Amino acid sequence: MGAERVASLRAFFDRADAQTRMRERRAAIEACIAMAQADRDVHVEESHILKQLVASSGLDADVQDALVARVHRASSIEGLARRLTHPVLRELMLALAWELALADGRIDGAETAFYRVLAKELDVDEERAAAIRDAVSERVT
């Protein structure tokens, strides 16, 4: 992502009010949950990673409980871009989503297709999304 872009994300969160910070955090986790569900098989490793994300999110306990419950219920990314607004955070969520897809040691066609849909929903162009996916794949495998 680059130090300058990450600094802009930190500045965004520093300036944001509590409601905005919580909205962005929740939306980021929801993007990851949807990715884990893309192949209709939330692997134990994916579930573990998601639970760690939720636990370290700083969200209220009731919101955390709702997110953990969503891990095994069908999720939608409709409207995600309205809640996940910072472009660097969107790209970071694509990277994390792809890392989640890799967590079970295999990539399903549904995960690849969903990644493209997620990138489009988050308004990340195809070339940039592919570069993020490839960089994560190279780092993880």
Protein backbone atom coordinates (compact mmCIF):
# COMPACT_ATOMS: atom_id res chain seq x y z
CA MET A 1 0.00 0.00 0.00
CA GLY A 2 2.87 2.33 0.69
CA ALA A 3 3.67 4.37 3.79
CA GLU A 4 2.06 7.56 2.47
CA ARG A 5 -1.24 5.83 1.70
CA VAL A 6 -1.30 4.08 5.08
CA ALA A 7 -0.59 7.44 6.75
CA SER A 8 -3.60 8.91 4.96
CA LEU A 9 -5.76 6.08 6.33
CA ARG A 10 -4.46 6.69 9.87
CA ALA A 11 -5.20 10.40 9.51
CA PHE A 12 -8.71 9.57 8.29
CA PHE A 13 -9.37 7.49 11.41
CA ASP A 14 -7.78 10.12 13.67
CA ARG A 15 -10.18 12.77 12.29
CA ALA A 16 -13.24 10.53 12.18
CA ASP A 17 -15.89 10.54 14.88
CA ALA A 18 -16.59 7.37 16.86
CA GLN A 19 -19.63 6.46 14.76
CA THR A 20 -17.63 6.64 11.53
CA ARG A 21 -14.78 4.58 12.96
CA MET A 22 -17.20 1.88 14.12
CA ARG A 23 -19.05 1.88 10.78
CA GLU A 24 -15.82 1.44 8.84
CA ARG A 25 -14.54 -1.31 11.14
CA ARG A 26 -17.80 -3.22 10.97
CA ALA A 27 -17.98 -2.92 7.18
CA ALA A 28 -14.38 -4.13 6.88
CA ILE A 29 -15.18 -7.25 8.88
CA GLU A 30 -18.38 -7.81 6.91
CA ALA A 31 -16.35 -7.77 3.68
CA CYS A 32 -14.10 -10.47 5.10
CA ILE A 33 -17.05 -12.55 6.29
CA ALA A 34 -18.60 -12.42 2.83
CA MET A 35 -15.31 -13.55 1.27
CA ALA A 36 -15.04 -16.48 3.66
CA GLN A 37 -18.55 -17.50 2.62
CA ALA A 38 -17.91 -17.18 -1.13
CA ASP A 39 -17.28 -20.89 -1.65
CA ARG A 40 -20.15 -21.82 0.70
CA ASP A 41 -17.67 -23.57 3.00
CA VAL A 42 -16.29 -21.49 5.87
CA HIS A 43 -13.20 -23.50 6.73
CA VAL A 44 -12.17 -23.72 10.39
CA GLU A 45 -9.06 -21.61 9.68
CA GLU A 46 -11.17 -18.90 8.02
CA SER A 47 -13.56 -18.94 10.98
CA HIS A 48 -10.64 -18.63 13.39
CA ILE A 49 -9.20 -15.63 11.52
CA LEU A 50 -12.60 -13.94 11.40
CA LYS A 51 -13.15 -14.43 15.11
CA GLN A 52 -9.72 -12.90 15.80
CA LEU A 53 -10.60 -9.91 13.61
CA VAL A 54 -13.87 -9.42 15.45
CA ALA A 55 -12.24 -9.79 18.87
CA SER A 56 -9.61 -7.16 18.06
CA SER A 57 -12.02 -4.76 16.31
CA GLY A 58 -12.79 -2.53 19.27
CA LEU A 59 -16.49 -2.82 18.43
CA ASP A 60 -19.13 -3.10 21.15
CA ALA A 61 -19.70 -6.60 22.51
CA ASP A 62 -23.19 -6.86 21.01
CA VAL A 63 -21.87 -5.91 17.57
CA GLN A 64 -19.06 -8.44 17.95
CA ASP A 65 -21.58 -11.14 18.85
CA ALA A 66 -23.67 -10.27 15.80
CA LEU A 67 -20.63 -10.43 13.52
CA VAL A 68 -19.51 -13.79 14.88
CA ALA A 69 -23.06 -15.11 14.37
CA ARG A 70 -22.92 -13.89 10.75
CA VAL A 71 -19.89 -16.02 9.96
CA HIS A 72 -22.10 -19.02 9.23
CA ARG A 73 -25.12 -17.12 7.84
CA ALA A 74 -25.38 -15.89 4.25
CA SER A 75 -24.08 -12.34 3.91
CA SER A 76 -24.43 -9.66 1.31
CA ILE A 77 -22.02 -6.94 0.27
CA GLU A 78 -24.76 -4.72 -1.08
CA GLY A 79 -24.13 -1.16 0.07
CA LEU A 80 -20.72 -2.04 1.45
CA ALA A 81 -19.05 0.83 -0.41
CA ARG A 82 -21.30 3.35 1.37
CA ARG A 83 -20.01 2.09 4.71
CA LEU A 84 -16.40 1.32 3.79
CA THR A 85 -15.41 4.68 2.40
CA HIS A 86 -11.65 5.17 2.52
CA PRO A 87 -9.91 3.96 -0.67
CA VAL A 88 -6.87 2.59 1.18
CA LEU A 89 -9.08 0.69 3.61
CA ARG A 90 -10.98 -0.74 0.65
CA GLU A 91 -7.74 -2.02 -0.86
CA LEU A 92 -6.57 -3.39 2.48
CA MET A 93 -9.86 -5.27 2.79
CA LEU A 94 -9.35 -6.76 -0.66
CA ALA A 95 -5.91 -7.95 0.46
CA LEU A 96 -7.27 -9.40 3.68
CA ALA A 97 -10.21 -10.98 1.86
CA TRP A 98 -7.84 -12.72 -0.53
CA GLU A 99 -5.67 -13.87 2.37
CA LEU A 100 -8.81 -15.38 3.92
CA ALA A 101 -9.55 -17.17 0.65
CA LEU A 102 -6.06 -18.67 0.80
CA ALA A 103 -6.40 -19.73 4.45
CA ASP A 104 -7.81 -23.18 3.67
CA GLY A 105 -5.02 -23.95 1.21
CA ARG A 106 -7.14 -23.85 -1.93
CA ILE A 107 -8.85 -21.30 -4.12
CA ASP A 108 -12.30 -22.13 -5.36
CA GLY A 109 -13.68 -20.59 -8.56
CA ALA A 110 -16.43 -19.00 -6.48
CA GLU A 111 -13.81 -17.21 -4.39
CA THR A 112 -12.08 -15.85 -7.47
CA ALA A 113 -15.41 -14.67 -8.88
CA PHE A 114 -16.45 -13.13 -5.58
CA TYR A 115 -13.13 -11.30 -5.28
CA ARG A 116 -13.87 -9.58 -8.61
CA VAL A 117 -17.39 -8.69 -7.41
CA LEU A 118 -16.01 -7.34 -4.14
CA ALA A 119 -13.42 -5.24 -5.98
CA LYS A 120 -16.13 -3.82 -8.22
CA GLU A 121 -18.39 -3.05 -5.22
CA LEU A 122 -15.48 -1.26 -3.54
CA ASP A 123 -14.67 0.64 -6.75
CA VAL A 124 -11.17 -0.79 -7.10
CA ASP A 125 -10.31 -1.17 -10.78
CA GLU A 126 -9.57 -4.64 -12.15
CA GLU A 127 -5.87 -4.01 -12.69
CA ARG A 128 -5.30 -2.75 -9.16
CA ALA A 129 -7.41 -5.58 -7.68
CA ALA A 130 -5.36 -8.14 -9.62
CA ALA A 131 -2.12 -6.58 -8.39
CA ILE A 132 -3.34 -6.76 -4.79
CA ARG A 133 -4.45 -10.38 -5.23
CA ASP A 134 -1.13 -11.37 -6.82
CA ALA A 135 0.93 -9.62 -4.13
CA VAL A 136 -0.99 -11.38 -1.36
CA SER A 137 -0.75 -14.73 -3.12
CA GLU A 138 3.01 -14.31 -3.51
CA ARG A 139 3.46 -13.33 0.13
CA VAL A 140 1.22 -16.06 1.55
CA THR A 141 2.22 -19.03 -0.63
